[in-house]
N, C-alpha and C. Protein backbone atom coordinates (compact mmCIF):
# COMPACT_ATOMS: atom_id res chain seq x y z
N MET A 1 17.92 -2.58 4.80
CA MET A 1 17.27 -1.31 5.04
C MET A 1 16.75 -1.30 6.47
N VAL A 2 17.02 -0.25 7.20
CA VAL A 2 16.59 -0.13 8.59
C VAL A 2 15.20 0.49 8.61
N ILE A 3 14.28 -0.13 9.32
CA ILE A 3 12.91 0.36 9.36
C ILE A 3 12.69 1.38 10.47
N LEU A 4 13.39 1.24 11.58
CA LEU A 4 13.30 2.23 12.65
C LEU A 4 14.46 3.20 12.49
N ILE A 5 14.13 4.46 12.40
CA ILE A 5 15.18 5.46 12.23
C ILE A 5 15.22 6.37 13.45
N ARG A 6 16.34 6.99 13.68
CA ARG A 6 16.48 7.91 14.81
C ARG A 6 16.43 9.33 14.28
N LYS A 7 15.64 10.12 14.97
CA LYS A 7 15.59 11.54 14.68
C LYS A 7 15.80 12.28 15.98
N LYS A 8 16.59 13.30 15.91
CA LYS A 8 16.90 14.05 17.13
C LYS A 8 15.84 15.13 17.36
N TYR A 9 15.28 15.11 18.55
CA TYR A 9 14.32 16.12 18.97
C TYR A 9 14.90 16.81 20.21
N SER A 10 14.24 17.82 20.65
CA SER A 10 14.76 18.58 21.80
C SER A 10 14.87 17.72 23.05
N ARG A 11 14.06 16.66 23.17
CA ARG A 11 14.11 15.80 24.35
C ARG A 11 15.07 14.62 24.17
N GLY A 12 15.79 14.56 23.09
CA GLY A 12 16.70 13.44 22.86
C GLY A 12 16.33 12.71 21.58
N PHE A 13 16.55 11.37 21.60
CA PHE A 13 16.28 10.57 20.42
C PHE A 13 14.91 9.93 20.49
N ASP A 14 14.25 9.85 19.35
CA ASP A 14 12.92 9.27 19.27
C ASP A 14 12.94 8.26 18.12
N LEU A 15 12.41 7.08 18.35
CA LEU A 15 12.33 6.08 17.28
C LEU A 15 10.99 6.21 16.59
N ARG A 16 11.03 6.29 15.29
CA ARG A 16 9.80 6.40 14.51
C ARG A 16 9.70 5.21 13.58
N GLU A 17 8.52 4.62 13.56
CA GLU A 17 8.26 3.46 12.72
C GLU A 17 7.89 3.92 11.32
N GLN A 18 8.51 3.32 10.33
CA GLN A 18 8.16 3.59 8.93
C GLN A 18 7.29 2.48 8.41
N THR A 19 6.48 2.82 7.42
CA THR A 19 5.73 1.81 6.70
C THR A 19 5.75 2.15 5.22
N PHE A 20 5.12 1.30 4.45
CA PHE A 20 5.17 1.38 2.98
C PHE A 20 3.75 1.34 2.44
N ILE A 21 3.49 2.14 1.41
CA ILE A 21 2.21 2.07 0.70
C ILE A 21 2.43 2.04 -0.80
N ILE A 22 1.43 1.53 -1.48
CA ILE A 22 1.34 1.62 -2.95
C ILE A 22 -0.01 2.25 -3.26
N ILE A 23 -0.01 3.32 -4.02
CA ILE A 23 -1.24 3.84 -4.60
C ILE A 23 -1.42 3.04 -5.89
N LYS A 24 -2.45 2.23 -5.93
CA LYS A 24 -2.63 1.23 -6.98
C LYS A 24 -3.18 1.85 -8.28
N PRO A 25 -3.06 1.09 -9.38
CA PRO A 25 -3.52 1.61 -10.68
C PRO A 25 -4.98 2.07 -10.70
N ASP A 26 -5.86 1.40 -9.95
CA ASP A 26 -7.27 1.83 -9.98
C ASP A 26 -7.44 3.22 -9.37
N ALA A 27 -6.65 3.56 -8.36
CA ALA A 27 -6.70 4.91 -7.78
C ALA A 27 -6.13 5.93 -8.75
N ILE A 28 -5.05 5.58 -9.42
CA ILE A 28 -4.44 6.49 -10.39
C ILE A 28 -5.38 6.71 -11.58
N ASP A 29 -6.02 5.63 -12.05
CA ASP A 29 -6.98 5.76 -13.15
C ASP A 29 -8.11 6.73 -12.80
N ARG A 30 -8.48 6.76 -11.52
CA ARG A 30 -9.56 7.64 -11.06
C ARG A 30 -9.02 8.99 -10.56
N ARG A 31 -7.72 9.20 -10.70
CA ARG A 31 -7.04 10.45 -10.29
C ARG A 31 -7.26 10.78 -8.80
N LEU A 32 -7.12 9.76 -7.96
CA LEU A 32 -7.34 9.92 -6.53
C LEU A 32 -6.06 10.06 -5.72
N GLU A 33 -4.91 10.02 -6.37
CA GLU A 33 -3.66 9.99 -5.62
C GLU A 33 -3.47 11.22 -4.72
N LYS A 34 -3.79 12.41 -5.20
CA LYS A 34 -3.62 13.61 -4.36
C LYS A 34 -4.57 13.57 -3.18
N GLU A 35 -5.81 13.15 -3.41
CA GLU A 35 -6.78 13.07 -2.32
C GLU A 35 -6.34 12.05 -1.26
N ILE A 36 -5.82 10.91 -1.71
CA ILE A 36 -5.34 9.89 -0.78
C ILE A 36 -4.16 10.42 0.04
N PHE A 37 -3.19 11.05 -0.61
CA PHE A 37 -2.06 11.61 0.13
C PHE A 37 -2.51 12.71 1.10
N ASN A 38 -3.48 13.53 0.69
CA ASN A 38 -4.00 14.57 1.59
C ASN A 38 -4.63 13.96 2.83
N ILE A 39 -5.42 12.91 2.66
CA ILE A 39 -6.05 12.24 3.80
C ILE A 39 -4.98 11.69 4.74
N ILE A 40 -3.96 11.08 4.16
CA ILE A 40 -2.87 10.51 4.98
C ILE A 40 -2.19 11.62 5.79
N GLU A 41 -1.83 12.72 5.15
CA GLU A 41 -1.15 13.81 5.84
C GLU A 41 -2.06 14.50 6.86
N GLU A 42 -3.33 14.68 6.54
CA GLU A 42 -4.28 15.31 7.46
C GLU A 42 -4.47 14.48 8.73
N ASN A 43 -4.13 13.20 8.67
CA ASN A 43 -4.28 12.33 9.82
C ASN A 43 -2.97 12.11 10.57
N GLY A 44 -2.01 13.02 10.38
CA GLY A 44 -0.80 13.03 11.19
C GLY A 44 0.36 12.20 10.69
N PHE A 45 0.29 11.72 9.46
CA PHE A 45 1.39 10.94 8.90
C PHE A 45 2.26 11.84 8.04
N SER A 46 3.54 11.50 7.96
CA SER A 46 4.48 12.21 7.10
C SER A 46 4.87 11.30 5.95
N ILE A 47 4.91 11.87 4.76
CA ILE A 47 5.36 11.13 3.58
C ILE A 47 6.85 11.44 3.44
N LEU A 48 7.67 10.42 3.71
CA LEU A 48 9.12 10.60 3.70
C LEU A 48 9.69 10.61 2.30
N GLU A 49 9.14 9.76 1.46
CA GLU A 49 9.63 9.63 0.09
C GLU A 49 8.51 8.99 -0.74
N SER A 50 8.33 9.47 -1.95
CA SER A 50 7.37 8.83 -2.85
C SER A 50 7.89 8.95 -4.27
N LYS A 51 7.48 8.01 -5.09
CA LYS A 51 7.85 8.10 -6.50
C LYS A 51 6.90 7.26 -7.35
N LYS A 52 6.75 7.70 -8.58
CA LYS A 52 5.95 6.96 -9.55
C LYS A 52 6.85 5.92 -10.20
N VAL A 53 6.32 4.72 -10.35
CA VAL A 53 7.07 3.66 -11.02
C VAL A 53 6.14 2.89 -11.94
N ILE A 54 6.72 2.33 -12.98
CA ILE A 54 6.00 1.40 -13.85
C ILE A 54 6.30 0.01 -13.32
N VAL A 55 5.26 -0.73 -13.01
CA VAL A 55 5.40 -2.02 -12.35
C VAL A 55 5.94 -3.07 -13.31
N LYS A 56 6.92 -3.81 -12.83
CA LYS A 56 7.45 -4.96 -13.55
C LYS A 56 6.80 -6.22 -12.98
N LYS A 57 6.58 -7.18 -13.86
CA LYS A 57 5.93 -8.44 -13.48
C LYS A 57 6.64 -9.13 -12.33
N ASP A 58 7.97 -9.23 -12.38
CA ASP A 58 8.70 -9.95 -11.33
C ASP A 58 8.58 -9.26 -9.97
N ILE A 59 8.54 -7.93 -9.96
CA ILE A 59 8.42 -7.19 -8.70
C ILE A 59 7.05 -7.40 -8.08
N ILE A 60 6.00 -7.28 -8.87
CA ILE A 60 4.65 -7.41 -8.31
C ILE A 60 4.38 -8.84 -7.85
N LEU A 61 4.94 -9.82 -8.56
CA LEU A 61 4.75 -11.21 -8.12
C LEU A 61 5.52 -11.48 -6.82
N LYS A 62 6.70 -10.88 -6.66
CA LYS A 62 7.42 -11.00 -5.38
C LYS A 62 6.63 -10.33 -4.27
N HIS A 63 6.07 -9.17 -4.57
CA HIS A 63 5.29 -8.43 -3.58
C HIS A 63 4.10 -9.26 -3.08
N TYR A 64 3.40 -9.91 -3.98
CA TYR A 64 2.19 -10.66 -3.63
C TYR A 64 2.44 -12.16 -3.41
N GLN A 65 3.68 -12.60 -3.40
CA GLN A 65 3.99 -14.03 -3.30
C GLN A 65 3.29 -14.71 -2.11
N GLU A 66 3.37 -14.11 -0.95
CA GLU A 66 2.76 -14.69 0.25
C GLU A 66 1.23 -14.80 0.10
N VAL A 67 0.61 -13.80 -0.49
CA VAL A 67 -0.85 -13.82 -0.68
C VAL A 67 -1.24 -14.89 -1.71
N ILE A 68 -0.47 -14.99 -2.78
CA ILE A 68 -0.73 -16.02 -3.80
C ILE A 68 -0.70 -17.39 -3.16
N GLU A 69 0.31 -17.65 -2.34
CA GLU A 69 0.43 -18.96 -1.70
C GLU A 69 -0.68 -19.19 -0.67
N ARG A 70 -1.08 -18.15 0.03
CA ARG A 70 -2.07 -18.29 1.10
C ARG A 70 -3.48 -18.54 0.56
N ILE A 71 -3.89 -17.78 -0.46
CA ILE A 71 -5.29 -17.91 -0.89
C ILE A 71 -5.51 -18.99 -1.95
N GLN A 72 -4.49 -19.35 -2.68
CA GLN A 72 -4.53 -20.46 -3.63
C GLN A 72 -5.76 -20.46 -4.56
N LEU A 73 -6.00 -19.34 -5.21
CA LEU A 73 -7.03 -19.26 -6.25
C LEU A 73 -6.34 -19.43 -7.59
N ASP A 74 -6.87 -20.29 -8.44
CA ASP A 74 -6.20 -20.61 -9.71
C ASP A 74 -5.98 -19.40 -10.61
N TYR A 75 -6.82 -18.40 -10.51
CA TYR A 75 -6.72 -17.23 -11.39
C TYR A 75 -5.95 -16.06 -10.78
N PHE A 76 -5.60 -16.15 -9.50
CA PHE A 76 -5.11 -14.98 -8.78
C PHE A 76 -3.80 -14.42 -9.33
N GLN A 77 -2.83 -15.27 -9.63
CA GLN A 77 -1.55 -14.76 -10.14
C GLN A 77 -1.75 -14.02 -11.45
N ASN A 78 -2.54 -14.56 -12.35
CA ASN A 78 -2.82 -13.87 -13.62
C ASN A 78 -3.58 -12.57 -13.38
N ALA A 79 -4.46 -12.56 -12.39
CA ALA A 79 -5.21 -11.34 -12.07
C ALA A 79 -4.26 -10.24 -11.57
N ILE A 80 -3.27 -10.62 -10.79
CA ILE A 80 -2.27 -9.65 -10.31
C ILE A 80 -1.50 -9.07 -11.49
N ILE A 81 -1.06 -9.94 -12.37
CA ILE A 81 -0.30 -9.49 -13.55
C ILE A 81 -1.16 -8.54 -14.39
N GLU A 82 -2.40 -8.92 -14.62
CA GLU A 82 -3.32 -8.08 -15.41
C GLU A 82 -3.54 -6.71 -14.75
N ALA A 83 -3.67 -6.70 -13.45
CA ALA A 83 -3.97 -5.45 -12.74
C ALA A 83 -2.76 -4.51 -12.64
N PHE A 84 -1.54 -5.07 -12.59
CA PHE A 84 -0.37 -4.25 -12.29
C PHE A 84 0.71 -4.17 -13.37
N ASN A 85 0.93 -5.23 -14.11
CA ASN A 85 2.09 -5.28 -15.00
C ASN A 85 2.09 -4.13 -16.01
N GLN A 86 3.21 -3.38 -16.03
CA GLN A 86 3.44 -2.25 -16.93
C GLN A 86 2.48 -1.08 -16.68
N LYS A 87 1.92 -1.03 -15.49
CA LYS A 87 1.04 0.09 -15.11
C LYS A 87 1.76 0.97 -14.10
N GLU A 88 1.35 2.21 -14.04
CA GLU A 88 1.95 3.16 -13.11
C GLU A 88 1.32 3.01 -11.73
N VAL A 89 2.18 3.03 -10.71
CA VAL A 89 1.76 3.11 -9.31
C VAL A 89 2.62 4.18 -8.65
N ILE A 90 2.20 4.59 -7.46
CA ILE A 90 3.02 5.49 -6.66
C ILE A 90 3.37 4.73 -5.38
N ILE A 91 4.66 4.65 -5.11
CA ILE A 91 5.12 4.00 -3.89
C ILE A 91 5.58 5.08 -2.91
N ALA A 92 5.42 4.80 -1.62
CA ALA A 92 5.80 5.81 -0.63
C ALA A 92 6.20 5.17 0.68
N LYS A 93 7.13 5.85 1.36
CA LYS A 93 7.51 5.54 2.73
C LYS A 93 6.77 6.55 3.61
N ILE A 94 6.14 6.05 4.66
CA ILE A 94 5.31 6.87 5.53
C ILE A 94 5.78 6.69 6.97
N GLU A 95 5.67 7.75 7.79
CA GLU A 95 5.94 7.61 9.21
C GLU A 95 4.97 8.50 9.99
N SER A 96 4.88 8.23 11.29
CA SER A 96 4.11 9.06 12.21
C SER A 96 4.78 8.99 13.57
N GLU A 97 4.21 9.69 14.53
CA GLU A 97 4.80 9.73 15.88
C GLU A 97 4.87 8.34 16.51
N THR A 98 3.78 7.57 16.47
CA THR A 98 3.73 6.26 17.12
C THR A 98 2.83 5.31 16.35
N ASP A 99 3.10 4.02 16.46
CA ASP A 99 2.23 2.96 15.95
C ASP A 99 1.80 3.19 14.49
N THR A 100 2.75 3.56 13.67
CA THR A 100 2.47 3.97 12.29
C THR A 100 1.70 2.90 11.51
N ILE A 101 2.17 1.67 11.56
CA ILE A 101 1.58 0.61 10.74
C ILE A 101 0.12 0.38 11.10
N ASN A 102 -0.17 0.21 12.38
CA ASN A 102 -1.55 -0.05 12.79
C ASN A 102 -2.47 1.13 12.52
N LYS A 103 -2.00 2.34 12.82
CA LYS A 103 -2.83 3.52 12.60
C LYS A 103 -3.09 3.74 11.11
N LEU A 104 -2.08 3.53 10.29
CA LEU A 104 -2.28 3.74 8.85
C LEU A 104 -3.22 2.68 8.28
N ARG A 105 -3.07 1.43 8.71
CA ARG A 105 -3.97 0.38 8.21
C ARG A 105 -5.42 0.65 8.61
N LYS A 106 -5.63 1.20 9.79
CA LYS A 106 -6.99 1.58 10.21
C LYS A 106 -7.51 2.70 9.29
N LEU A 107 -6.66 3.68 9.00
CA LEU A 107 -7.07 4.77 8.11
C LEU A 107 -7.37 4.26 6.70
N VAL A 108 -6.57 3.32 6.21
CA VAL A 108 -6.78 2.75 4.88
C VAL A 108 -8.11 2.00 4.83
N GLY A 109 -8.42 1.21 5.86
CA GLY A 109 -9.69 0.50 5.92
C GLY A 109 -9.58 -0.95 5.50
N ALA A 110 -10.69 -1.66 5.65
CA ALA A 110 -10.76 -3.08 5.30
C ALA A 110 -10.38 -3.29 3.84
N THR A 111 -9.78 -4.45 3.57
CA THR A 111 -9.35 -4.79 2.21
C THR A 111 -10.51 -4.70 1.22
N ASP A 112 -11.67 -5.13 1.65
CA ASP A 112 -12.88 -5.06 0.82
C ASP A 112 -13.54 -3.70 1.04
N PRO A 113 -13.48 -2.80 0.04
CA PRO A 113 -14.04 -1.46 0.22
C PRO A 113 -15.52 -1.46 0.62
N SER A 114 -16.26 -2.47 0.19
CA SER A 114 -17.69 -2.52 0.52
C SER A 114 -17.92 -2.79 2.01
N LYS A 115 -16.87 -3.24 2.70
CA LYS A 115 -16.97 -3.53 4.13
C LYS A 115 -16.13 -2.56 4.97
N ALA A 116 -15.50 -1.61 4.32
CA ALA A 116 -14.62 -0.67 5.02
C ALA A 116 -15.43 0.40 5.74
N SER A 117 -14.92 0.85 6.86
CA SER A 117 -15.54 1.93 7.63
C SER A 117 -15.67 3.18 6.76
N SER A 118 -16.77 3.89 6.91
CA SER A 118 -17.02 5.07 6.08
C SER A 118 -16.01 6.20 6.32
N ASP A 119 -15.27 6.14 7.43
CA ASP A 119 -14.25 7.17 7.67
C ASP A 119 -12.86 6.74 7.22
N SER A 120 -12.76 5.61 6.54
CA SER A 120 -11.48 5.14 6.00
C SER A 120 -11.33 5.56 4.54
N ILE A 121 -10.11 5.46 4.03
CA ILE A 121 -9.86 5.80 2.62
C ILE A 121 -10.69 4.91 1.71
N ARG A 122 -10.65 3.60 1.94
CA ARG A 122 -11.41 2.68 1.09
C ARG A 122 -12.91 2.85 1.28
N GLY A 123 -13.34 3.16 2.49
CA GLY A 123 -14.76 3.39 2.73
C GLY A 123 -15.28 4.64 2.05
N LYS A 124 -14.47 5.70 2.03
CA LYS A 124 -14.86 6.96 1.40
C LYS A 124 -14.78 6.90 -0.12
N LEU A 125 -13.69 6.29 -0.62
CA LEU A 125 -13.39 6.40 -2.05
C LEU A 125 -13.55 5.11 -2.83
N GLY A 126 -13.67 3.99 -2.13
CA GLY A 126 -13.74 2.69 -2.81
C GLY A 126 -15.07 2.46 -3.50
N ASN A 127 -15.03 1.63 -4.56
CA ASN A 127 -16.26 1.33 -5.31
C ASN A 127 -16.27 -0.11 -5.81
N ASP A 128 -15.67 -1.03 -5.07
CA ASP A 128 -15.59 -2.42 -5.51
C ASP A 128 -15.87 -3.33 -4.32
N SER A 129 -15.95 -4.64 -4.58
CA SER A 129 -16.17 -5.61 -3.50
C SER A 129 -15.47 -6.93 -3.86
N PHE A 130 -15.19 -7.73 -2.83
CA PHE A 130 -14.63 -9.07 -3.05
C PHE A 130 -15.59 -9.91 -3.89
N ASP A 131 -16.88 -9.81 -3.60
CA ASP A 131 -17.86 -10.62 -4.33
C ASP A 131 -17.79 -10.36 -5.83
N LEU A 132 -17.78 -9.09 -6.21
CA LEU A 132 -17.73 -8.74 -7.63
C LEU A 132 -16.39 -9.13 -8.25
N ALA A 133 -15.29 -8.86 -7.55
CA ALA A 133 -13.97 -9.20 -8.07
C ALA A 133 -13.83 -10.71 -8.25
N SER A 134 -14.30 -11.49 -7.29
CA SER A 134 -14.24 -12.96 -7.39
C SER A 134 -15.08 -13.47 -8.55
N LYS A 135 -16.25 -12.91 -8.69
CA LYS A 135 -17.15 -13.30 -9.78
C LYS A 135 -16.49 -13.05 -11.13
N GLU A 136 -15.79 -11.93 -11.24
CA GLU A 136 -15.13 -11.54 -12.49
C GLU A 136 -13.69 -12.06 -12.58
N LYS A 137 -13.24 -12.82 -11.57
CA LYS A 137 -11.89 -13.41 -11.53
C LYS A 137 -10.80 -12.37 -11.79
N ARG A 138 -10.82 -11.33 -10.96
CA ARG A 138 -9.83 -10.25 -11.08
C ARG A 138 -9.45 -9.78 -9.69
N MET A 139 -8.43 -8.93 -9.64
CA MET A 139 -8.02 -8.30 -8.39
C MET A 139 -9.11 -7.33 -7.93
N ILE A 140 -9.25 -7.22 -6.64
CA ILE A 140 -10.17 -6.22 -6.11
C ILE A 140 -9.55 -4.84 -6.28
N ASN A 141 -10.35 -3.90 -6.70
CA ASN A 141 -9.90 -2.51 -6.84
C ASN A 141 -10.11 -1.83 -5.49
N ASN A 142 -9.04 -1.77 -4.71
CA ASN A 142 -9.16 -1.19 -3.37
C ASN A 142 -8.18 -0.05 -3.11
N LEU A 143 -7.70 0.56 -4.19
CA LEU A 143 -7.01 1.84 -4.18
C LEU A 143 -5.59 1.88 -3.65
N ILE A 144 -5.33 1.20 -2.53
CA ILE A 144 -4.07 1.40 -1.82
C ILE A 144 -3.66 0.13 -1.10
N HIS A 145 -2.36 -0.12 -1.09
CA HIS A 145 -1.79 -1.19 -0.27
C HIS A 145 -1.03 -0.52 0.87
N ALA A 146 -1.14 -1.10 2.06
CA ALA A 146 -0.35 -0.64 3.21
C ALA A 146 0.24 -1.87 3.90
N SER A 147 1.51 -1.82 4.21
CA SER A 147 2.18 -2.94 4.88
C SER A 147 1.44 -3.32 6.16
N ASP A 148 1.46 -4.63 6.47
CA ASP A 148 0.72 -5.11 7.64
C ASP A 148 1.58 -5.38 8.87
N SER A 149 2.90 -5.21 8.75
CA SER A 149 3.79 -5.45 9.89
C SER A 149 5.13 -4.77 9.63
N ILE A 150 5.93 -4.68 10.67
CA ILE A 150 7.27 -4.10 10.50
C ILE A 150 8.09 -4.96 9.53
N ILE A 151 7.97 -6.27 9.67
CA ILE A 151 8.70 -7.18 8.78
C ILE A 151 8.29 -6.96 7.32
N SER A 152 6.98 -6.89 7.07
CA SER A 152 6.49 -6.65 5.70
C SER A 152 6.94 -5.29 5.20
N ALA A 153 6.85 -4.27 6.03
CA ALA A 153 7.27 -2.93 5.62
C ALA A 153 8.74 -2.91 5.21
N LYS A 154 9.57 -3.53 6.01
CA LYS A 154 11.00 -3.59 5.70
C LYS A 154 11.23 -4.29 4.37
N LYS A 155 10.58 -5.44 4.19
CA LYS A 155 10.73 -6.22 2.96
C LYS A 155 10.22 -5.43 1.74
N GLU A 156 9.07 -4.79 1.89
CA GLU A 156 8.46 -4.06 0.77
C GLU A 156 9.25 -2.80 0.43
N ILE A 157 9.74 -2.09 1.43
CA ILE A 157 10.57 -0.91 1.15
C ILE A 157 11.82 -1.34 0.39
N SER A 158 12.44 -2.42 0.82
CA SER A 158 13.63 -2.93 0.13
C SER A 158 13.31 -3.33 -1.31
N LEU A 159 12.22 -4.04 -1.50
CA LEU A 159 11.83 -4.52 -2.83
C LEU A 159 11.54 -3.36 -3.78
N TRP A 160 10.77 -2.39 -3.33
CA TRP A 160 10.29 -1.33 -4.22
C TRP A 160 11.23 -0.14 -4.35
N PHE A 161 12.01 0.14 -3.32
CA PHE A 161 12.88 1.31 -3.39
C PHE A 161 14.32 0.99 -3.80
N ASP A 162 14.61 -0.28 -4.04
CA ASP A 162 15.92 -0.67 -4.55
C ASP A 162 16.08 -0.07 -5.94
N LYS A 163 17.08 0.76 -6.12
CA LYS A 163 17.28 1.45 -7.40
C LYS A 163 17.46 0.48 -8.57
N GLN A 164 17.90 -0.73 -8.31
CA GLN A 164 18.10 -1.70 -9.38
C GLN A 164 16.79 -2.34 -9.84
N SER A 165 15.71 -2.16 -9.07
CA SER A 165 14.45 -2.80 -9.40
C SER A 165 13.77 -2.17 -10.61
N PHE A 166 14.02 -0.86 -10.84
CA PHE A 166 13.29 -0.16 -11.90
C PHE A 166 14.23 0.49 -12.88
């Protein structure tokens, strides 16, 4: 899957960076998906494609494999399965004029909603913290995932949008 696409504009060709997001089950449970998409679009991003999917265990574990290996918490893999397996999420491809990944991650906010800027999605809508999630040995409820690099975006788009995955 190609992450940089060409679109023809009046001045010639322009390369636009795509990224990937997941609206997580905690956001869907709170019916925040429309509000989150509105915030994203109001901040100059375009939603190229989105769809609702029921998460399969193997897909979510592939998605979080690097994080599982990096943080090495004994309960983390089971917490991921508990939070996502057989639950509905919304996946989407997003683009903007420039620097899509960095700008979108800033808009999404810090991973820990309790530490996120008040003008970010997690800062405005989040209601959880790492401290509480760790204490309860569960995934943090932080509403949305956004790819952290072009490499991750490419990998995640391929993983989630492959028609054979669902």
